[in-house]
N, C-alpha and C. Protein backbone atom coordinates (compact mmCIF):
# COMPACT_ATOMS: atom_id res chain seq x y z
N MET A 1 10.12 -13.55 24.99
CA MET A 1 8.67 -13.56 24.93
C MET A 1 8.13 -13.32 26.34
N VAL A 2 7.22 -12.37 26.41
CA VAL A 2 6.58 -12.06 27.69
C VAL A 2 5.09 -11.88 27.47
N ARG A 3 4.35 -11.99 28.55
CA ARG A 3 2.90 -11.84 28.51
C ARG A 3 2.53 -10.42 28.93
N VAL A 4 1.71 -9.74 28.10
CA VAL A 4 1.25 -8.41 28.44
C VAL A 4 0.13 -8.53 29.47
N LEU A 5 0.27 -7.78 30.55
CA LEU A 5 -0.77 -7.78 31.58
C LEU A 5 -1.79 -6.66 31.32
N ARG A 6 -1.28 -5.49 30.99
CA ARG A 6 -2.18 -4.37 30.67
C ARG A 6 -1.40 -3.29 29.94
N VAL A 7 -2.14 -2.38 29.33
CA VAL A 7 -1.57 -1.25 28.61
C VAL A 7 -1.64 -0.04 29.53
N GLY A 8 -0.51 0.67 29.66
CA GLY A 8 -0.46 1.85 30.50
C GLY A 8 -0.68 3.12 29.69
N ASP A 9 -0.28 4.23 30.28
CA ASP A 9 -0.43 5.53 29.64
C ASP A 9 0.83 5.89 28.87
N ASN A 10 0.68 6.75 27.85
CA ASN A 10 1.79 7.33 27.10
C ASN A 10 2.81 6.32 26.58
N GLY A 11 2.33 5.28 25.97
CA GLY A 11 3.21 4.32 25.32
C GLY A 11 3.92 3.38 26.27
N THR A 12 3.28 3.02 27.35
CA THR A 12 3.86 2.03 28.27
C THR A 12 3.00 0.77 28.26
N VAL A 13 3.67 -0.35 28.49
CA VAL A 13 3.01 -1.64 28.54
C VAL A 13 3.52 -2.35 29.79
N VAL A 14 2.62 -2.91 30.57
CA VAL A 14 2.99 -3.66 31.77
C VAL A 14 3.00 -5.14 31.41
N VAL A 15 4.16 -5.79 31.62
CA VAL A 15 4.32 -7.21 31.27
C VAL A 15 4.67 -8.00 32.51
N GLN A 16 4.51 -9.32 32.41
CA GLN A 16 4.85 -10.23 33.49
C GLN A 16 6.34 -10.57 33.38
N GLY A 17 7.13 -10.09 34.32
CA GLY A 17 8.56 -10.38 34.33
C GLY A 17 8.87 -11.51 35.28
N LYS A 18 10.15 -11.82 35.45
CA LYS A 18 10.56 -12.90 36.36
C LYS A 18 10.28 -12.55 37.81
N GLY A 19 10.44 -11.28 38.17
CA GLY A 19 10.22 -10.88 39.55
C GLY A 19 8.86 -10.26 39.79
N GLY A 20 8.01 -10.18 38.80
CA GLY A 20 6.70 -9.57 38.94
C GLY A 20 6.38 -8.71 37.73
N GLU A 21 5.62 -7.67 37.98
CA GLU A 21 5.22 -6.78 36.89
C GLU A 21 6.37 -5.84 36.53
N VAL A 22 6.57 -5.64 35.20
CA VAL A 22 7.61 -4.75 34.70
C VAL A 22 6.95 -3.77 33.73
N VAL A 23 7.24 -2.48 33.92
CA VAL A 23 6.72 -1.45 33.04
C VAL A 23 7.74 -1.20 31.94
N LEU A 24 7.31 -1.34 30.68
CA LEU A 24 8.18 -1.12 29.53
C LEU A 24 7.68 0.10 28.76
N HIS A 25 8.61 0.92 28.32
CA HIS A 25 8.29 2.09 27.50
C HIS A 25 8.63 1.76 26.05
N LEU A 26 7.78 2.17 25.11
CA LEU A 26 8.04 1.93 23.70
C LEU A 26 9.15 2.86 23.23
N ALA A 27 10.18 2.29 22.65
CA ALA A 27 11.34 3.07 22.19
C ALA A 27 11.07 3.68 20.83
N GLY A 28 11.63 4.87 20.61
CA GLY A 28 11.59 5.49 19.30
C GLY A 28 10.30 6.18 18.95
N VAL A 29 9.39 6.33 19.91
CA VAL A 29 8.13 7.00 19.63
C VAL A 29 7.82 8.05 20.68
N GLU A 30 7.21 9.12 20.24
CA GLU A 30 6.69 10.15 21.13
C GLU A 30 5.19 10.23 20.84
N ILE A 31 4.38 9.85 21.79
CA ILE A 31 2.94 9.77 21.61
C ILE A 31 2.37 11.16 21.37
N THR A 32 1.59 11.32 20.31
CA THR A 32 0.95 12.60 19.99
C THR A 32 -0.55 12.57 20.24
N ASN A 33 -1.16 11.39 20.21
CA ASN A 33 -2.58 11.23 20.47
C ASN A 33 -2.72 10.09 21.48
N ALA A 34 -2.74 10.46 22.77
CA ALA A 34 -2.68 9.46 23.85
C ALA A 34 -3.86 8.51 23.85
N ALA A 35 -5.06 9.03 23.68
CA ALA A 35 -6.25 8.17 23.73
C ALA A 35 -6.26 7.16 22.59
N ALA A 36 -5.96 7.63 21.37
CA ALA A 36 -5.94 6.72 20.21
C ALA A 36 -4.80 5.72 20.32
N ALA A 37 -3.65 6.15 20.82
CA ALA A 37 -2.51 5.24 20.98
C ALA A 37 -2.82 4.15 21.99
N GLN A 38 -3.43 4.53 23.09
CA GLN A 38 -3.79 3.54 24.12
C GLN A 38 -4.82 2.56 23.57
N SER A 39 -5.77 3.05 22.82
CA SER A 39 -6.78 2.18 22.22
C SER A 39 -6.15 1.21 21.22
N LEU A 40 -5.21 1.71 20.40
CA LEU A 40 -4.54 0.84 19.44
C LEU A 40 -3.69 -0.22 20.15
N LEU A 41 -3.00 0.18 21.21
CA LEU A 41 -2.20 -0.80 21.96
C LEU A 41 -3.08 -1.87 22.59
N ARG A 42 -4.23 -1.47 23.12
CA ARG A 42 -5.14 -2.48 23.69
C ARG A 42 -5.63 -3.44 22.62
N TRP A 43 -5.92 -2.90 21.43
CA TRP A 43 -6.39 -3.76 20.34
C TRP A 43 -5.26 -4.65 19.81
N CYS A 44 -4.05 -4.07 19.67
CA CYS A 44 -2.93 -4.84 19.09
C CYS A 44 -2.40 -5.91 20.03
N VAL A 45 -2.10 -5.53 21.25
CA VAL A 45 -1.43 -6.47 22.14
C VAL A 45 -2.30 -6.93 23.29
N GLY A 46 -3.24 -6.09 23.74
CA GLY A 46 -4.18 -6.48 24.79
C GLY A 46 -3.51 -7.23 25.92
N THR A 47 -3.78 -8.52 26.02
CA THR A 47 -3.16 -9.39 27.02
C THR A 47 -2.50 -10.58 26.33
N SER A 48 -1.88 -10.33 25.19
CA SER A 48 -1.28 -11.42 24.42
C SER A 48 0.22 -11.53 24.70
N TRP A 49 0.85 -12.46 24.03
CA TRP A 49 2.30 -12.62 24.12
C TRP A 49 2.97 -11.69 23.13
N VAL A 50 4.08 -11.11 23.55
CA VAL A 50 4.84 -10.21 22.69
C VAL A 50 6.33 -10.54 22.81
N MET A 51 7.05 -10.18 21.77
CA MET A 51 8.50 -10.30 21.83
C MET A 51 9.04 -8.91 22.13
N VAL A 52 9.97 -8.84 23.06
CA VAL A 52 10.54 -7.57 23.50
C VAL A 52 12.00 -7.52 23.10
N GLU A 53 12.39 -6.42 22.48
CA GLU A 53 13.79 -6.20 22.09
C GLU A 53 14.25 -4.89 22.71
N ALA A 54 15.26 -4.94 23.54
CA ALA A 54 15.77 -3.74 24.21
C ALA A 54 16.42 -2.81 23.20
N GLU A 55 16.26 -1.52 23.41
CA GLU A 55 16.89 -0.51 22.56
C GLU A 55 17.89 0.27 23.42
N PRO A 56 19.19 -0.03 23.27
CA PRO A 56 20.19 0.62 24.12
C PRO A 56 20.32 2.12 23.88
N LEU A 57 20.03 2.60 22.67
CA LEU A 57 20.15 4.04 22.39
C LEU A 57 19.09 4.86 23.13
N ALA A 58 17.94 4.28 23.40
CA ALA A 58 16.85 5.00 24.02
C ALA A 58 16.96 5.03 25.54
N GLY A 59 17.68 4.11 26.14
CA GLY A 59 17.84 4.08 27.59
C GLY A 59 17.24 2.82 28.20
N GLU A 60 17.40 2.72 29.51
CA GLU A 60 16.92 1.57 30.27
C GLU A 60 15.39 1.53 30.29
N GLY A 61 14.81 0.37 29.99
CA GLY A 61 13.37 0.20 30.03
C GLY A 61 12.66 0.56 28.73
N PHE A 62 13.40 1.04 27.74
CA PHE A 62 12.79 1.35 26.44
C PHE A 62 13.00 0.17 25.50
N VAL A 63 11.91 -0.28 24.87
CA VAL A 63 11.96 -1.51 24.08
C VAL A 63 11.22 -1.35 22.76
N TYR A 64 11.57 -2.24 21.83
CA TYR A 64 10.77 -2.45 20.63
C TYR A 64 9.84 -3.60 20.94
N LEU A 65 8.59 -3.46 20.57
CA LEU A 65 7.58 -4.47 20.89
C LEU A 65 7.05 -5.08 19.60
N TYR A 66 7.04 -6.43 19.54
CA TYR A 66 6.54 -7.17 18.38
C TYR A 66 5.44 -8.10 18.85
N ARG A 67 4.28 -8.02 18.21
CA ARG A 67 3.16 -8.89 18.54
C ARG A 67 3.41 -10.28 17.98
N THR A 68 2.98 -11.30 18.68
CA THR A 68 3.07 -12.66 18.16
C THR A 68 1.66 -13.14 17.85
N PRO A 69 1.48 -14.00 16.90
CA PRO A 69 2.45 -14.73 16.09
C PRO A 69 2.82 -14.04 14.78
N ASP A 70 2.23 -12.86 14.46
CA ASP A 70 2.46 -12.26 13.16
C ASP A 70 3.61 -11.25 13.12
N ALA A 71 4.28 -11.01 14.24
CA ALA A 71 5.45 -10.13 14.34
C ALA A 71 5.16 -8.69 13.93
N LEU A 72 3.99 -8.18 14.23
CA LEU A 72 3.66 -6.79 13.96
C LEU A 72 4.54 -5.91 14.82
N PHE A 73 5.25 -4.96 14.21
CA PHE A 73 6.13 -4.03 14.92
C PHE A 73 5.24 -2.93 15.49
N VAL A 74 4.91 -3.03 16.76
CA VAL A 74 3.92 -2.16 17.40
C VAL A 74 4.39 -0.71 17.43
N ASN A 75 5.66 -0.46 17.69
CA ASN A 75 6.18 0.91 17.72
C ASN A 75 5.96 1.59 16.37
N HIS A 76 6.28 0.88 15.32
CA HIS A 76 6.13 1.41 13.97
C HIS A 76 4.66 1.61 13.62
N GLU A 77 3.80 0.73 14.08
CA GLU A 77 2.37 0.82 13.79
C GLU A 77 1.77 2.10 14.38
N LEU A 78 2.22 2.49 15.56
CA LEU A 78 1.74 3.73 16.17
C LEU A 78 2.12 4.94 15.31
N VAL A 79 3.32 4.93 14.75
CA VAL A 79 3.77 6.02 13.90
C VAL A 79 3.02 6.02 12.57
N GLU A 80 2.85 4.86 11.98
CA GLU A 80 2.15 4.75 10.70
C GLU A 80 0.72 5.26 10.78
N ARG A 81 0.07 5.00 11.87
CA ARG A 81 -1.33 5.42 12.02
C ARG A 81 -1.48 6.87 12.47
N GLY A 82 -0.36 7.52 12.79
CA GLY A 82 -0.40 8.93 13.15
C GLY A 82 -0.65 9.21 14.61
N TYR A 83 -0.51 8.22 15.48
CA TYR A 83 -0.75 8.40 16.91
C TYR A 83 0.54 8.74 17.65
N ALA A 84 1.68 8.64 16.96
CA ALA A 84 2.97 8.93 17.58
C ALA A 84 3.91 9.50 16.53
N ARG A 85 4.97 10.16 17.02
CA ARG A 85 6.01 10.70 16.15
C ARG A 85 7.27 9.87 16.36
N ALA A 86 7.94 9.50 15.29
CA ALA A 86 9.15 8.70 15.38
C ALA A 86 10.31 9.55 15.89
N THR A 87 11.06 9.00 16.86
CA THR A 87 12.24 9.70 17.37
C THR A 87 13.53 8.94 17.07
N LEU A 88 13.41 7.75 16.52
CA LEU A 88 14.58 6.96 16.11
C LEU A 88 14.40 6.55 14.65
N PRO A 89 15.52 6.44 13.90
CA PRO A 89 15.40 6.07 12.48
C PRO A 89 14.80 4.69 12.25
N SER A 90 14.95 3.79 13.19
CA SER A 90 14.42 2.42 13.01
C SER A 90 12.90 2.37 13.04
N VAL A 91 12.26 3.43 13.50
CA VAL A 91 10.80 3.45 13.61
C VAL A 91 10.19 4.33 12.52
N GLN A 92 11.01 5.05 11.77
CA GLN A 92 10.53 5.96 10.72
C GLN A 92 9.70 5.19 9.70
N PRO A 93 8.61 5.79 9.22
CA PRO A 93 7.84 5.15 8.14
C PRO A 93 8.62 5.21 6.83
N ALA A 94 8.25 4.37 5.91
CA ALA A 94 8.92 4.32 4.60
C ALA A 94 8.72 5.64 3.87
N SER A 95 9.77 6.10 3.20
CA SER A 95 9.69 7.37 2.50
C SER A 95 9.21 7.21 1.06
N HIS A 96 8.91 6.01 0.64
CA HIS A 96 8.40 5.77 -0.71
C HIS A 96 7.17 4.89 -0.62
N VAL A 97 6.37 4.96 -1.64
CA VAL A 97 5.17 4.15 -1.70
C VAL A 97 5.50 2.87 -2.46
N PRO A 98 5.29 1.70 -1.84
CA PRO A 98 5.56 0.46 -2.57
C PRO A 98 4.52 0.25 -3.67
N VAL A 99 5.00 0.03 -4.90
CA VAL A 99 4.12 -0.13 -6.06
C VAL A 99 4.56 -1.37 -6.83
N THR A 100 3.61 -2.17 -7.23
CA THR A 100 3.89 -3.31 -8.08
C THR A 100 3.39 -2.99 -9.47
N TYR A 101 4.30 -2.96 -10.44
CA TYR A 101 3.94 -2.64 -11.82
C TYR A 101 3.86 -3.93 -12.60
N LEU A 102 2.73 -4.20 -13.19
CA LEU A 102 2.52 -5.43 -13.95
C LEU A 102 2.59 -5.09 -15.43
N GLY A 103 3.71 -5.32 -16.04
CA GLY A 103 3.86 -5.01 -17.45
C GLY A 103 5.27 -4.58 -17.76
N GLU A 104 5.49 -4.17 -19.00
CA GLU A 104 6.80 -3.72 -19.42
C GLU A 104 6.99 -2.26 -19.06
N LEU A 105 8.22 -1.90 -18.78
CA LEU A 105 8.50 -0.51 -18.45
C LEU A 105 8.39 0.39 -19.68
N ASN A 106 8.91 -0.06 -20.81
CA ASN A 106 8.85 0.71 -22.05
C ASN A 106 8.26 -0.15 -23.16
N PRO A 107 6.95 -0.32 -23.17
CA PRO A 107 6.37 -1.15 -24.21
C PRO A 107 6.60 -0.51 -25.58
N PRO A 108 6.96 -1.32 -26.59
CA PRO A 108 7.29 -0.76 -27.90
C PRO A 108 6.10 -0.11 -28.60
N SER A 109 4.89 -0.51 -28.33
CA SER A 109 3.74 0.03 -29.05
C SER A 109 3.28 1.39 -28.51
N LEU A 110 3.79 1.81 -27.39
CA LEU A 110 3.35 3.07 -26.82
C LEU A 110 4.41 4.15 -27.02
N GLN A 111 4.56 4.58 -28.23
CA GLN A 111 5.45 5.68 -28.54
C GLN A 111 4.62 6.94 -28.61
N PHE A 112 5.21 8.07 -28.29
CA PHE A 112 4.46 9.31 -28.16
C PHE A 112 3.71 9.68 -29.43
N GLY A 113 4.36 9.65 -30.59
CA GLY A 113 3.70 10.02 -31.84
C GLY A 113 2.59 9.07 -32.20
N ARG A 114 2.78 7.80 -31.94
CA ARG A 114 1.77 6.81 -32.27
C ARG A 114 0.54 6.97 -31.39
N GLU A 115 0.76 7.33 -30.14
CA GLU A 115 -0.37 7.55 -29.24
C GLU A 115 -1.25 8.70 -29.72
N LEU A 116 -0.61 9.76 -30.22
CA LEU A 116 -1.38 10.91 -30.71
C LEU A 116 -2.19 10.55 -31.94
N LYS A 117 -1.59 9.77 -32.86
CA LYS A 117 -2.31 9.37 -34.07
C LYS A 117 -3.51 8.51 -33.72
N GLU A 118 -3.32 7.56 -32.80
CA GLU A 118 -4.41 6.66 -32.43
C GLU A 118 -5.51 7.41 -31.69
N ALA A 119 -5.15 8.40 -30.91
CA ALA A 119 -6.14 9.16 -30.16
C ALA A 119 -6.99 10.03 -31.09
N SER A 120 -6.38 10.53 -32.18
CA SER A 120 -7.12 11.41 -33.07
C SER A 120 -7.91 10.65 -34.14
N ARG A 121 -7.69 9.36 -34.26
CA ARG A 121 -8.39 8.55 -35.27
C ARG A 121 -9.84 8.34 -34.85
N PRO A 122 -10.80 8.63 -35.74
CA PRO A 122 -12.22 8.40 -35.37
C PRO A 122 -12.52 6.90 -35.35
N ASN A 123 -13.41 6.54 -34.49
CA ASN A 123 -13.82 5.14 -34.45
C ASN A 123 -15.33 5.06 -34.50
N SER A 124 -15.85 3.85 -34.51
CA SER A 124 -17.28 3.65 -34.72
C SER A 124 -18.10 3.89 -33.46
N GLY A 125 -17.45 4.11 -32.33
CA GLY A 125 -18.19 4.33 -31.10
C GLY A 125 -18.42 3.06 -30.31
N SER A 126 -18.20 1.92 -30.92
CA SER A 126 -18.39 0.66 -30.21
C SER A 126 -17.08 0.11 -29.68
N GLY A 127 -15.99 0.86 -29.85
CA GLY A 127 -14.70 0.40 -29.39
C GLY A 127 -13.93 -0.34 -30.46
N THR A 128 -14.48 -0.50 -31.64
CA THR A 128 -13.79 -1.18 -32.72
C THR A 128 -13.88 -0.33 -33.98
N SER A 129 -12.91 -0.50 -34.87
CA SER A 129 -12.92 0.30 -36.09
C SER A 129 -13.55 -0.45 -37.26
N ARG A 130 -14.08 -1.63 -37.01
CA ARG A 130 -14.71 -2.42 -38.08
C ARG A 130 -16.09 -1.87 -38.42
N ARG A 131 -16.47 -2.10 -39.66
CA ARG A 131 -17.83 -1.72 -40.05
C ARG A 131 -18.81 -2.81 -39.65
N SER A 132 -20.01 -2.42 -39.43
CA SER A 132 -21.05 -3.36 -39.06
C SER A 132 -21.40 -4.24 -40.26
N LYS A 133 -21.68 -5.51 -40.01
CA LYS A 133 -22.05 -6.43 -41.09
C LYS A 133 -23.49 -6.20 -41.55
N ALA A 134 -24.29 -5.53 -40.74
CA ALA A 134 -25.69 -5.31 -41.06
C ALA A 134 -25.87 -4.30 -42.19
N SER A 135 -24.96 -3.36 -42.32
CA SER A 135 -25.12 -2.36 -43.38
C SER A 135 -23.83 -2.26 -44.18
N PRO A 136 -23.63 -3.17 -45.17
CA PRO A 136 -22.40 -3.12 -45.96
C PRO A 136 -22.38 -1.87 -46.84
N ALA A 137 -21.21 -1.39 -47.13
CA ALA A 137 -21.06 -0.20 -47.97
C ALA A 137 -21.37 -0.56 -49.43
N ARG A 138 -22.07 0.31 -50.12
CA ARG A 138 -22.41 0.08 -51.53
C ARG A 138 -21.29 0.63 -52.39
N PRO A 139 -20.93 -0.08 -53.45
CA PRO A 139 -19.85 0.43 -54.32
C PRO A 139 -20.33 1.67 -55.07
N SER A 140 -19.41 2.53 -55.39
CA SER A 140 -19.77 3.76 -56.11
C SER A 140 -20.13 3.40 -57.56
N ARG A 141 -20.81 4.30 -58.25
CA ARG A 141 -21.26 4.04 -59.62
C ARG A 141 -20.09 3.89 -60.58
N SER A 142 -19.05 4.64 -60.34
CA SER A 142 -17.91 4.53 -61.27
C SER A 142 -17.26 3.15 -61.17
N ARG A 143 -17.23 2.58 -59.99
CA ARG A 143 -16.68 1.24 -59.85
C ARG A 143 -17.59 0.21 -60.49
N ALA A 144 -18.89 0.41 -60.32
CA ALA A 144 -19.85 -0.53 -60.91
C ALA A 144 -19.75 -0.49 -62.44
N ASN A 145 -19.62 0.69 -63.03
CA ASN A 145 -19.47 0.82 -64.50
C ASN A 145 -18.18 0.20 -64.97
N ALA A 146 -17.10 0.35 -64.19
CA ALA A 146 -15.81 -0.23 -64.58
C ALA A 146 -15.89 -1.75 -64.58
N ARG A 147 -16.64 -2.32 -63.65
CA ARG A 147 -16.78 -3.76 -63.59
C ARG A 147 -17.56 -4.28 -64.81
N LYS A 148 -18.59 -3.55 -65.20
CA LYS A 148 -19.40 -3.97 -66.34
C LYS A 148 -18.55 -3.95 -67.62
N LYS A 149 -17.74 -2.92 -67.79
CA LYS A 149 -16.90 -2.85 -68.98
C LYS A 149 -15.86 -3.93 -69.00
N SER A 150 -15.29 -4.26 -67.84
CA SER A 150 -14.24 -5.29 -67.83
C SER A 150 -14.84 -6.67 -68.02
N ALA A 151 -16.12 -6.86 -67.67
CA ALA A 151 -16.76 -8.15 -67.85
C ALA A 151 -17.09 -8.42 -69.31
N LYS A 152 -17.25 -7.39 -70.16
CA LYS A 152 -17.61 -7.54 -71.56
C LYS A 152 -16.45 -7.93 -72.33
């Protein structure tokens, strides 16, 4: 854990080291929009405490930077927002979109043929297939005559 003193140019951050000020370069990123990246770094880390993790593949002085207390991966954030290009696989953005599906994957009532039948069925326009109670259907004359004959 180190304290950020100021944000430098092109993905550098100046921190308070044991012997004084130390300039750290963000590993795995190539800045593509310097002004926006510097603005984001000032907003993200400003003069706060950060956790620094050295990246041996990138060289001496190149680090992964994590904001405290929420552990925001600052290198990755620059790439996600489009202010930098990832140069290491550990900083690459996710190649899939995380989706939470609430429900069954194959619900039994949603079969292709059944969907077509239900879509073509006329409805009353109110979202229900019931008839209105205000205007009941009148029986046909042939039914009325059949009832009279059966009652006799």
